[in-house]
N, C-alpha and C. Protein backbone atom coordinates (compact mmCIF):
# COMPACT_ATOMS: atom_id res chain seq x y z
N UNK A 1 -36.02 -3.74 19.92
CA UNK A 1 -35.56 -4.96 19.27
C UNK A 1 -36.35 -6.14 19.85
N UNK A 2 -36.86 -7.02 18.99
CA UNK A 2 -37.60 -8.18 19.48
C UNK A 2 -36.71 -9.08 20.35
N UNK A 3 -37.36 -9.76 21.28
CA UNK A 3 -36.66 -10.60 22.25
C UNK A 3 -35.84 -11.70 21.55
N UNK A 4 -36.39 -12.30 20.49
CA UNK A 4 -35.68 -13.37 19.78
C UNK A 4 -34.37 -12.86 19.17
N UNK A 5 -34.42 -11.65 18.62
CA UNK A 5 -33.23 -11.06 18.01
C UNK A 5 -32.17 -10.76 19.06
N UNK A 6 -32.60 -10.24 20.19
CA UNK A 6 -31.67 -9.97 21.29
C UNK A 6 -31.01 -11.25 21.76
N UNK A 7 -31.80 -12.30 21.90
CA UNK A 7 -31.29 -13.58 22.37
C UNK A 7 -30.29 -14.16 21.37
N UNK A 8 -30.62 -14.10 20.07
CA UNK A 8 -29.72 -14.62 19.04
C UNK A 8 -28.41 -13.83 19.03
N UNK A 9 -28.52 -12.53 19.18
CA UNK A 9 -27.32 -11.68 19.21
C UNK A 9 -26.44 -12.04 20.40
N UNK A 10 -27.07 -12.24 21.55
CA UNK A 10 -26.33 -12.60 22.76
C UNK A 10 -25.64 -13.95 22.58
N UNK A 11 -26.36 -14.93 22.00
CA UNK A 11 -25.79 -16.26 21.79
C UNK A 11 -24.61 -16.21 20.82
N UNK A 12 -24.74 -15.41 19.74
CA UNK A 12 -23.63 -15.28 18.79
C UNK A 12 -22.41 -14.68 19.47
N UNK A 13 -22.63 -13.67 20.29
CA UNK A 13 -21.53 -13.01 20.99
C UNK A 13 -20.85 -13.98 21.96
N UNK A 14 -21.65 -14.76 22.69
CA UNK A 14 -21.09 -15.74 23.62
C UNK A 14 -20.27 -16.79 22.88
N UNK A 15 -20.81 -17.28 21.74
CA UNK A 15 -20.09 -18.29 20.95
C UNK A 15 -18.77 -17.71 20.45
N UNK A 16 -18.81 -16.46 19.97
CA UNK A 16 -17.59 -15.81 19.48
C UNK A 16 -16.55 -15.70 20.59
N UNK A 17 -16.98 -15.28 21.77
CA UNK A 17 -16.04 -15.14 22.90
C UNK A 17 -15.39 -16.48 23.25
N UNK A 18 -16.15 -17.57 23.15
CA UNK A 18 -15.60 -18.91 23.45
C UNK A 18 -14.70 -19.42 22.32
N UNK A 19 -14.91 -18.93 21.10
CA UNK A 19 -14.21 -19.46 19.93
C UNK A 19 -13.45 -18.39 19.15
N UNK A 20 -12.87 -17.44 19.84
CA UNK A 20 -12.17 -16.34 19.18
C UNK A 20 -11.05 -16.85 18.26
N UNK A 21 -10.22 -17.72 18.78
CA UNK A 21 -9.08 -18.21 17.98
C UNK A 21 -9.54 -18.96 16.75
N UNK A 22 -10.56 -19.79 16.87
CA UNK A 22 -11.10 -20.52 15.73
C UNK A 22 -11.64 -19.55 14.68
N UNK A 23 -12.37 -18.54 15.13
CA UNK A 23 -12.93 -17.55 14.22
C UNK A 23 -11.83 -16.80 13.49
N UNK A 24 -10.80 -16.39 14.22
CA UNK A 24 -9.69 -15.67 13.60
C UNK A 24 -8.95 -16.56 12.60
N UNK A 25 -8.76 -17.83 12.95
CA UNK A 25 -8.06 -18.75 12.04
C UNK A 25 -8.86 -18.97 10.76
N UNK A 26 -10.17 -19.11 10.90
CA UNK A 26 -11.03 -19.26 9.72
C UNK A 26 -10.95 -18.02 8.83
N UNK A 27 -10.96 -16.85 9.45
CA UNK A 27 -10.88 -15.60 8.69
C UNK A 27 -9.54 -15.51 7.97
N UNK A 28 -8.44 -15.90 8.64
CA UNK A 28 -7.11 -15.89 8.00
C UNK A 28 -7.07 -16.84 6.81
N UNK A 29 -7.62 -18.04 7.01
CA UNK A 29 -7.63 -19.04 5.93
C UNK A 29 -8.44 -18.54 4.73
N UNK A 30 -9.59 -17.92 5.01
CA UNK A 30 -10.40 -17.38 3.93
C UNK A 30 -9.65 -16.28 3.18
N UNK A 31 -8.98 -15.40 3.92
CA UNK A 31 -8.24 -14.30 3.30
C UNK A 31 -7.12 -14.83 2.41
N UNK A 32 -6.44 -15.87 2.85
CA UNK A 32 -5.36 -16.47 2.06
C UNK A 32 -5.92 -17.12 0.80
N UNK A 33 -7.09 -17.76 0.92
CA UNK A 33 -7.70 -18.43 -0.22
C UNK A 33 -8.37 -17.47 -1.19
N UNK A 34 -8.68 -16.27 -0.76
CA UNK A 34 -9.41 -15.30 -1.58
C UNK A 34 -8.73 -13.94 -1.64
N UNK A 35 -7.48 -13.87 -2.12
CA UNK A 35 -6.77 -12.58 -2.10
C UNK A 35 -7.43 -11.51 -2.96
N UNK A 36 -8.08 -11.92 -4.07
CA UNK A 36 -8.74 -10.94 -4.94
C UNK A 36 -9.91 -10.28 -4.21
N UNK A 37 -10.68 -11.10 -3.49
CA UNK A 37 -11.83 -10.57 -2.76
C UNK A 37 -11.38 -9.66 -1.62
N UNK A 38 -10.30 -10.02 -0.96
CA UNK A 38 -9.76 -9.19 0.12
C UNK A 38 -9.31 -7.85 -0.45
N UNK A 39 -8.60 -7.90 -1.57
CA UNK A 39 -8.13 -6.67 -2.21
C UNK A 39 -9.30 -5.79 -2.63
N UNK A 40 -10.31 -6.40 -3.25
CA UNK A 40 -11.50 -5.66 -3.68
C UNK A 40 -12.21 -5.03 -2.48
N UNK A 41 -12.32 -5.79 -1.40
CA UNK A 41 -12.96 -5.28 -0.18
C UNK A 41 -12.19 -4.10 0.39
N UNK A 42 -10.86 -4.21 0.42
CA UNK A 42 -10.02 -3.12 0.93
C UNK A 42 -10.13 -1.87 0.07
N UNK A 43 -10.15 -2.05 -1.25
CA UNK A 43 -10.26 -0.91 -2.16
C UNK A 43 -11.60 -0.21 -1.96
N UNK A 44 -12.69 -0.99 -1.84
CA UNK A 44 -14.01 -0.40 -1.61
C UNK A 44 -14.03 0.37 -0.29
N UNK A 45 -13.44 -0.21 0.76
CA UNK A 45 -13.41 0.45 2.06
C UNK A 45 -12.64 1.76 1.98
N UNK A 46 -11.47 1.73 1.33
CA UNK A 46 -10.66 2.94 1.21
C UNK A 46 -11.38 4.01 0.41
N UNK A 47 -12.07 3.60 -0.65
CA UNK A 47 -12.80 4.56 -1.48
C UNK A 47 -13.96 5.17 -0.69
N UNK A 48 -14.68 4.33 0.04
CA UNK A 48 -15.84 4.79 0.82
C UNK A 48 -15.42 5.72 1.96
N UNK A 49 -14.25 5.47 2.55
CA UNK A 49 -13.81 6.22 3.73
C UNK A 49 -12.60 7.09 3.44
N UNK A 50 -12.48 7.55 2.20
CA UNK A 50 -11.30 8.30 1.77
C UNK A 50 -11.03 9.54 2.62
N UNK A 51 -12.04 10.33 2.86
CA UNK A 51 -11.87 11.58 3.61
C UNK A 51 -11.41 11.29 5.04
N UNK A 52 -12.08 10.34 5.68
CA UNK A 52 -11.75 9.98 7.06
C UNK A 52 -10.33 9.42 7.15
N UNK A 53 -9.97 8.54 6.21
CA UNK A 53 -8.63 7.94 6.22
C UNK A 53 -7.56 8.99 5.96
N UNK A 54 -7.81 9.91 5.03
CA UNK A 54 -6.84 10.98 4.76
C UNK A 54 -6.63 11.84 5.99
N UNK A 55 -7.72 12.16 6.67
CA UNK A 55 -7.64 12.96 7.89
C UNK A 55 -6.83 12.22 8.95
N UNK A 56 -7.13 10.93 9.12
CA UNK A 56 -6.41 10.12 10.10
C UNK A 56 -4.92 10.06 9.76
N UNK A 57 -4.60 9.78 8.49
CA UNK A 57 -3.20 9.67 8.07
C UNK A 57 -2.44 10.99 8.26
N UNK A 58 -3.09 12.08 7.91
CA UNK A 58 -2.45 13.39 8.07
C UNK A 58 -2.15 13.66 9.54
N UNK A 59 -3.11 13.34 10.40
CA UNK A 59 -2.92 13.52 11.83
C UNK A 59 -1.81 12.61 12.36
N UNK A 60 -1.83 11.34 11.91
CA UNK A 60 -0.83 10.38 12.38
C UNK A 60 0.57 10.83 11.98
N UNK A 61 0.74 11.25 10.72
CA UNK A 61 2.05 11.69 10.25
C UNK A 61 2.53 12.92 11.02
N UNK A 62 1.60 13.84 11.34
CA UNK A 62 2.02 15.04 12.07
C UNK A 62 2.36 14.73 13.53
N UNK A 63 1.73 13.72 14.11
CA UNK A 63 2.00 13.34 15.49
C UNK A 63 3.18 12.38 15.62
N UNK A 64 3.61 11.78 14.52
CA UNK A 64 4.68 10.78 14.55
C UNK A 64 5.80 11.16 13.60
N UNK A 65 6.31 12.37 13.76
CA UNK A 65 7.36 12.86 12.86
C UNK A 65 8.62 12.01 12.95
N UNK A 66 8.89 11.45 14.11
CA UNK A 66 10.06 10.60 14.26
C UNK A 66 9.92 9.33 13.42
N UNK A 67 8.75 8.72 13.42
CA UNK A 67 8.52 7.51 12.63
C UNK A 67 8.54 7.84 11.14
N UNK A 68 8.00 9.00 10.79
CA UNK A 68 8.01 9.43 9.39
C UNK A 68 9.44 9.62 8.91
N UNK A 69 10.26 10.27 9.74
CA UNK A 69 11.66 10.50 9.38
C UNK A 69 12.39 9.17 9.23
N UNK A 70 12.11 8.22 10.12
CA UNK A 70 12.75 6.90 10.05
C UNK A 70 12.33 6.18 8.76
N UNK A 71 11.05 6.27 8.42
CA UNK A 71 10.55 5.64 7.19
C UNK A 71 11.23 6.23 5.96
N UNK A 72 11.31 7.56 5.92
CA UNK A 72 11.91 8.22 4.77
C UNK A 72 13.41 7.92 4.69
N UNK A 73 14.09 7.87 5.84
CA UNK A 73 15.52 7.56 5.85
C UNK A 73 15.76 6.13 5.36
N UNK A 74 14.90 5.20 5.80
CA UNK A 74 15.04 3.81 5.37
C UNK A 74 14.84 3.68 3.86
N UNK A 75 13.83 4.38 3.35
CA UNK A 75 13.56 4.32 1.90
C UNK A 75 14.72 4.92 1.11
N UNK A 76 15.24 6.05 1.59
CA UNK A 76 16.35 6.70 0.90
C UNK A 76 17.58 5.80 0.91
N UNK A 77 17.85 5.16 2.05
CA UNK A 77 19.00 4.24 2.15
C UNK A 77 18.81 3.05 1.22
N UNK A 78 17.58 2.54 1.14
CA UNK A 78 17.31 1.41 0.25
C UNK A 78 17.57 1.80 -1.20
N UNK A 79 17.10 2.99 -1.57
CA UNK A 79 17.33 3.45 -2.95
C UNK A 79 18.83 3.56 -3.22
N UNK A 80 19.57 4.12 -2.27
CA UNK A 80 21.02 4.25 -2.45
C UNK A 80 21.69 2.88 -2.58
N UNK A 81 21.26 1.93 -1.75
CA UNK A 81 21.84 0.58 -1.80
C UNK A 81 21.45 -0.16 -3.07
N UNK A 82 20.30 0.18 -3.62
CA UNK A 82 19.79 -0.51 -4.81
C UNK A 82 20.13 0.23 -6.10
N UNK A 83 20.98 1.25 -6.04
CA UNK A 83 21.40 1.97 -7.24
C UNK A 83 22.83 1.53 -7.57
N UNK A 84 22.97 0.70 -8.60
CA UNK A 84 24.31 0.21 -8.94
C UNK A 84 25.17 1.30 -9.59
N UNK A 85 26.45 1.24 -9.30
CA UNK A 85 27.37 2.23 -9.86
C UNK A 85 27.61 2.00 -11.35
N UNK A 86 27.35 0.78 -11.82
CA UNK A 86 27.64 0.45 -13.22
C UNK A 86 26.52 0.85 -14.19
N UNK A 87 25.38 1.36 -13.68
CA UNK A 87 24.24 1.68 -14.55
C UNK A 87 24.61 2.81 -15.50
N UNK A 88 24.66 2.55 -16.82
CA UNK A 88 25.03 3.59 -17.77
C UNK A 88 23.95 4.68 -17.92
N UNK A 89 22.73 4.38 -17.50
CA UNK A 89 21.63 5.35 -17.63
C UNK A 89 21.29 6.00 -16.29
N UNK A 90 22.20 5.97 -15.33
CA UNK A 90 21.92 6.50 -13.99
C UNK A 90 21.48 7.96 -14.03
N UNK A 91 22.09 8.76 -14.88
CA UNK A 91 21.73 10.17 -14.95
C UNK A 91 20.35 10.37 -15.59
N UNK A 92 19.89 9.39 -16.35
CA UNK A 92 18.59 9.48 -17.02
C UNK A 92 17.42 9.27 -16.05
N UNK A 93 17.71 8.74 -14.88
CA UNK A 93 16.66 8.50 -13.89
C UNK A 93 15.94 9.80 -13.54
N UNK A 94 16.69 10.88 -13.47
CA UNK A 94 16.11 12.19 -13.16
C UNK A 94 15.02 12.54 -14.17
N UNK A 95 15.19 12.13 -15.42
CA UNK A 95 14.20 12.42 -16.46
C UNK A 95 12.85 11.79 -16.14
N UNK A 96 12.84 10.61 -15.54
CA UNK A 96 11.58 9.95 -15.17
C UNK A 96 10.84 10.80 -14.14
N UNK A 97 11.58 11.32 -13.16
CA UNK A 97 10.96 12.16 -12.12
C UNK A 97 10.48 13.48 -12.71
N UNK A 98 11.22 14.02 -13.65
CA UNK A 98 10.80 15.25 -14.32
C UNK A 98 9.53 15.01 -15.14
N UNK A 99 9.46 13.86 -15.80
CA UNK A 99 8.28 13.51 -16.58
C UNK A 99 7.05 13.39 -15.67
N UNK A 100 7.23 12.75 -14.53
CA UNK A 100 6.12 12.60 -13.58
C UNK A 100 5.62 13.97 -13.11
N UNK A 101 6.55 14.87 -12.80
CA UNK A 101 6.18 16.21 -12.35
C UNK A 101 5.46 16.98 -13.46
N UNK A 102 5.95 16.84 -14.70
CA UNK A 102 5.34 17.52 -15.82
C UNK A 102 3.91 17.00 -16.06
N UNK A 103 3.73 15.67 -16.05
CA UNK A 103 2.41 15.09 -16.26
C UNK A 103 1.44 15.51 -15.16
N UNK A 104 1.92 15.57 -13.94
CA UNK A 104 1.08 16.02 -12.82
C UNK A 104 0.64 17.45 -13.05
N UNK A 105 1.56 18.28 -13.44
CA UNK A 105 1.28 19.70 -13.67
C UNK A 105 0.30 19.88 -14.84
N UNK A 106 0.53 19.16 -15.93
CA UNK A 106 -0.27 19.34 -17.15
C UNK A 106 -1.66 18.73 -17.04
N UNK A 107 -1.78 17.57 -16.42
CA UNK A 107 -3.07 16.87 -16.36
C UNK A 107 -3.86 17.16 -15.10
N UNK A 108 -3.17 17.58 -14.05
CA UNK A 108 -3.85 17.78 -12.77
C UNK A 108 -4.02 16.48 -12.01
N UNK A 109 -3.55 15.39 -12.58
CA UNK A 109 -3.62 14.07 -11.93
C UNK A 109 -2.22 13.75 -11.41
N UNK A 110 -2.15 13.38 -10.13
CA UNK A 110 -0.86 13.05 -9.51
C UNK A 110 -0.23 11.85 -10.22
N UNK A 111 1.03 11.98 -10.63
CA UNK A 111 1.78 10.89 -11.25
C UNK A 111 2.97 10.55 -10.37
N UNK A 112 3.30 9.26 -10.31
CA UNK A 112 4.43 8.78 -9.52
C UNK A 112 5.42 8.05 -10.41
N UNK A 113 6.65 7.99 -9.94
CA UNK A 113 7.64 7.13 -10.58
C UNK A 113 7.59 5.81 -9.81
N UNK A 114 7.23 4.76 -10.52
CA UNK A 114 7.00 3.45 -9.92
C UNK A 114 8.17 2.53 -10.23
N UNK A 115 8.58 1.76 -9.22
CA UNK A 115 9.55 0.69 -9.44
C UNK A 115 8.75 -0.53 -9.90
N UNK A 116 8.96 -0.97 -11.12
CA UNK A 116 8.22 -2.11 -11.67
C UNK A 116 8.43 -3.32 -10.76
N UNK A 117 9.67 -3.63 -10.46
CA UNK A 117 9.99 -4.65 -9.46
C UNK A 117 10.35 -3.87 -8.20
N UNK A 118 9.56 -4.02 -7.12
CA UNK A 118 9.76 -3.18 -5.93
C UNK A 118 11.15 -3.32 -5.32
N UNK A 119 11.60 -2.25 -4.68
CA UNK A 119 12.92 -2.26 -4.03
C UNK A 119 12.94 -3.17 -2.81
N UNK A 120 11.81 -3.28 -2.14
CA UNK A 120 11.74 -4.08 -0.92
C UNK A 120 10.59 -5.06 -1.00
N UNK A 121 10.52 -5.84 -2.07
CA UNK A 121 9.45 -6.80 -2.23
C UNK A 121 9.63 -8.01 -1.33
N UNK A 122 8.53 -8.72 -1.08
CA UNK A 122 8.59 -9.92 -0.22
C UNK A 122 9.30 -11.07 -0.93
N UNK A 123 8.98 -11.26 -2.22
CA UNK A 123 9.53 -12.40 -2.95
C UNK A 123 10.67 -12.02 -3.88
N UNK A 124 10.66 -10.78 -4.33
CA UNK A 124 11.68 -10.33 -5.28
C UNK A 124 11.96 -8.86 -5.02
N UNK A 125 13.20 -8.46 -5.19
CA UNK A 125 13.58 -7.07 -5.01
C UNK A 125 14.34 -6.58 -6.24
N UNK A 126 13.95 -5.41 -6.71
CA UNK A 126 14.56 -4.86 -7.91
C UNK A 126 15.61 -3.82 -7.59
N UNK A 127 16.14 -3.25 -8.65
CA UNK A 127 17.16 -2.21 -8.52
C UNK A 127 16.57 -0.85 -8.87
N UNK A 128 17.21 0.19 -8.40
CA UNK A 128 16.82 1.56 -8.74
C UNK A 128 17.59 1.95 -9.99
N UNK A 129 17.12 1.42 -11.13
CA UNK A 129 17.74 1.67 -12.43
C UNK A 129 16.67 2.16 -13.40
N UNK A 130 17.12 2.82 -14.46
CA UNK A 130 16.22 3.41 -15.45
C UNK A 130 15.21 2.39 -15.99
N UNK A 131 15.66 1.20 -16.30
CA UNK A 131 14.78 0.20 -16.91
C UNK A 131 13.76 -0.38 -15.93
N UNK A 132 13.93 -0.15 -14.63
CA UNK A 132 12.98 -0.65 -13.63
C UNK A 132 12.01 0.45 -13.19
N UNK A 133 12.05 1.59 -13.84
CA UNK A 133 11.18 2.72 -13.46
C UNK A 133 10.19 3.01 -14.57
N UNK A 134 8.99 3.41 -14.15
CA UNK A 134 7.98 3.86 -15.11
C UNK A 134 7.14 4.93 -14.42
N UNK A 135 6.55 5.80 -15.23
CA UNK A 135 5.70 6.86 -14.71
C UNK A 135 4.25 6.41 -14.88
N UNK A 136 3.52 6.36 -13.76
CA UNK A 136 2.12 5.94 -13.78
C UNK A 136 1.29 6.88 -12.90
N UNK A 137 -0.03 6.90 -13.09
CA UNK A 137 -0.87 7.71 -12.20
C UNK A 137 -0.68 7.27 -10.75
N UNK A 138 -0.70 8.22 -9.86
CA UNK A 138 -0.48 7.94 -8.44
C UNK A 138 -1.46 6.93 -7.87
N UNK A 139 -2.73 7.01 -8.32
CA UNK A 139 -3.73 6.08 -7.79
C UNK A 139 -3.37 4.63 -8.14
N UNK A 140 -2.84 4.40 -9.34
CA UNK A 140 -2.42 3.05 -9.74
C UNK A 140 -1.23 2.60 -8.91
N UNK A 141 -0.31 3.51 -8.62
CA UNK A 141 0.87 3.16 -7.84
C UNK A 141 0.48 2.80 -6.41
N UNK A 142 -0.46 3.54 -5.84
CA UNK A 142 -0.91 3.26 -4.48
C UNK A 142 -1.62 1.91 -4.42
N UNK A 143 -2.42 1.60 -5.45
CA UNK A 143 -3.10 0.30 -5.49
C UNK A 143 -2.08 -0.83 -5.57
N UNK A 144 -1.04 -0.63 -6.37
CA UNK A 144 -0.01 -1.66 -6.56
C UNK A 144 0.75 -1.88 -5.28
N UNK A 145 0.98 -0.82 -4.53
CA UNK A 145 1.71 -0.87 -3.26
C UNK A 145 3.10 -1.42 -3.51
N UNK A 146 3.52 -2.39 -2.71
CA UNK A 146 4.87 -2.92 -2.77
C UNK A 146 4.85 -4.31 -3.41
N UNK A 147 4.05 -4.48 -4.47
CA UNK A 147 3.89 -5.79 -5.09
C UNK A 147 4.47 -5.79 -6.50
N UNK A 148 4.90 -6.96 -6.91
CA UNK A 148 5.37 -7.16 -8.28
C UNK A 148 4.24 -7.83 -9.04
N UNK A 149 3.62 -7.09 -9.97
CA UNK A 149 2.52 -7.60 -10.75
C UNK A 149 3.02 -7.87 -12.15
N UNK A 150 2.92 -9.12 -12.56
CA UNK A 150 3.43 -9.54 -13.86
C UNK A 150 2.51 -9.09 -14.96
């Protein structure tokens, strides 16, 4: 590496070490101002590193069975709390899950039952009712995550 490049790299590193908080604050502000770019960047990263991330996630879940159980218990409790007793179509909810399983089997593409308005959203929380459920491809559901997209 040429001496000028080494020197510039060293100077950048020194400046960063002196200004870590400023750099982090600027990055946070940029991320807040550019949510579409952040999302696009994250999607590209996940797509590029899919195999590595899947391997990591599989390992993490197998090593953290207690956390996985807690996560699943919390989600199940949330669904129970968000399922009103007055819903006349409560028994029809099973049909959505059956449809997702059938589409997965027939197409070979994983399908999920998605809560249109998430059960645990930051700004809005929906109910576990027939009208708040839809069957969509799993990849779309994972991209949506826990967001309410109008």
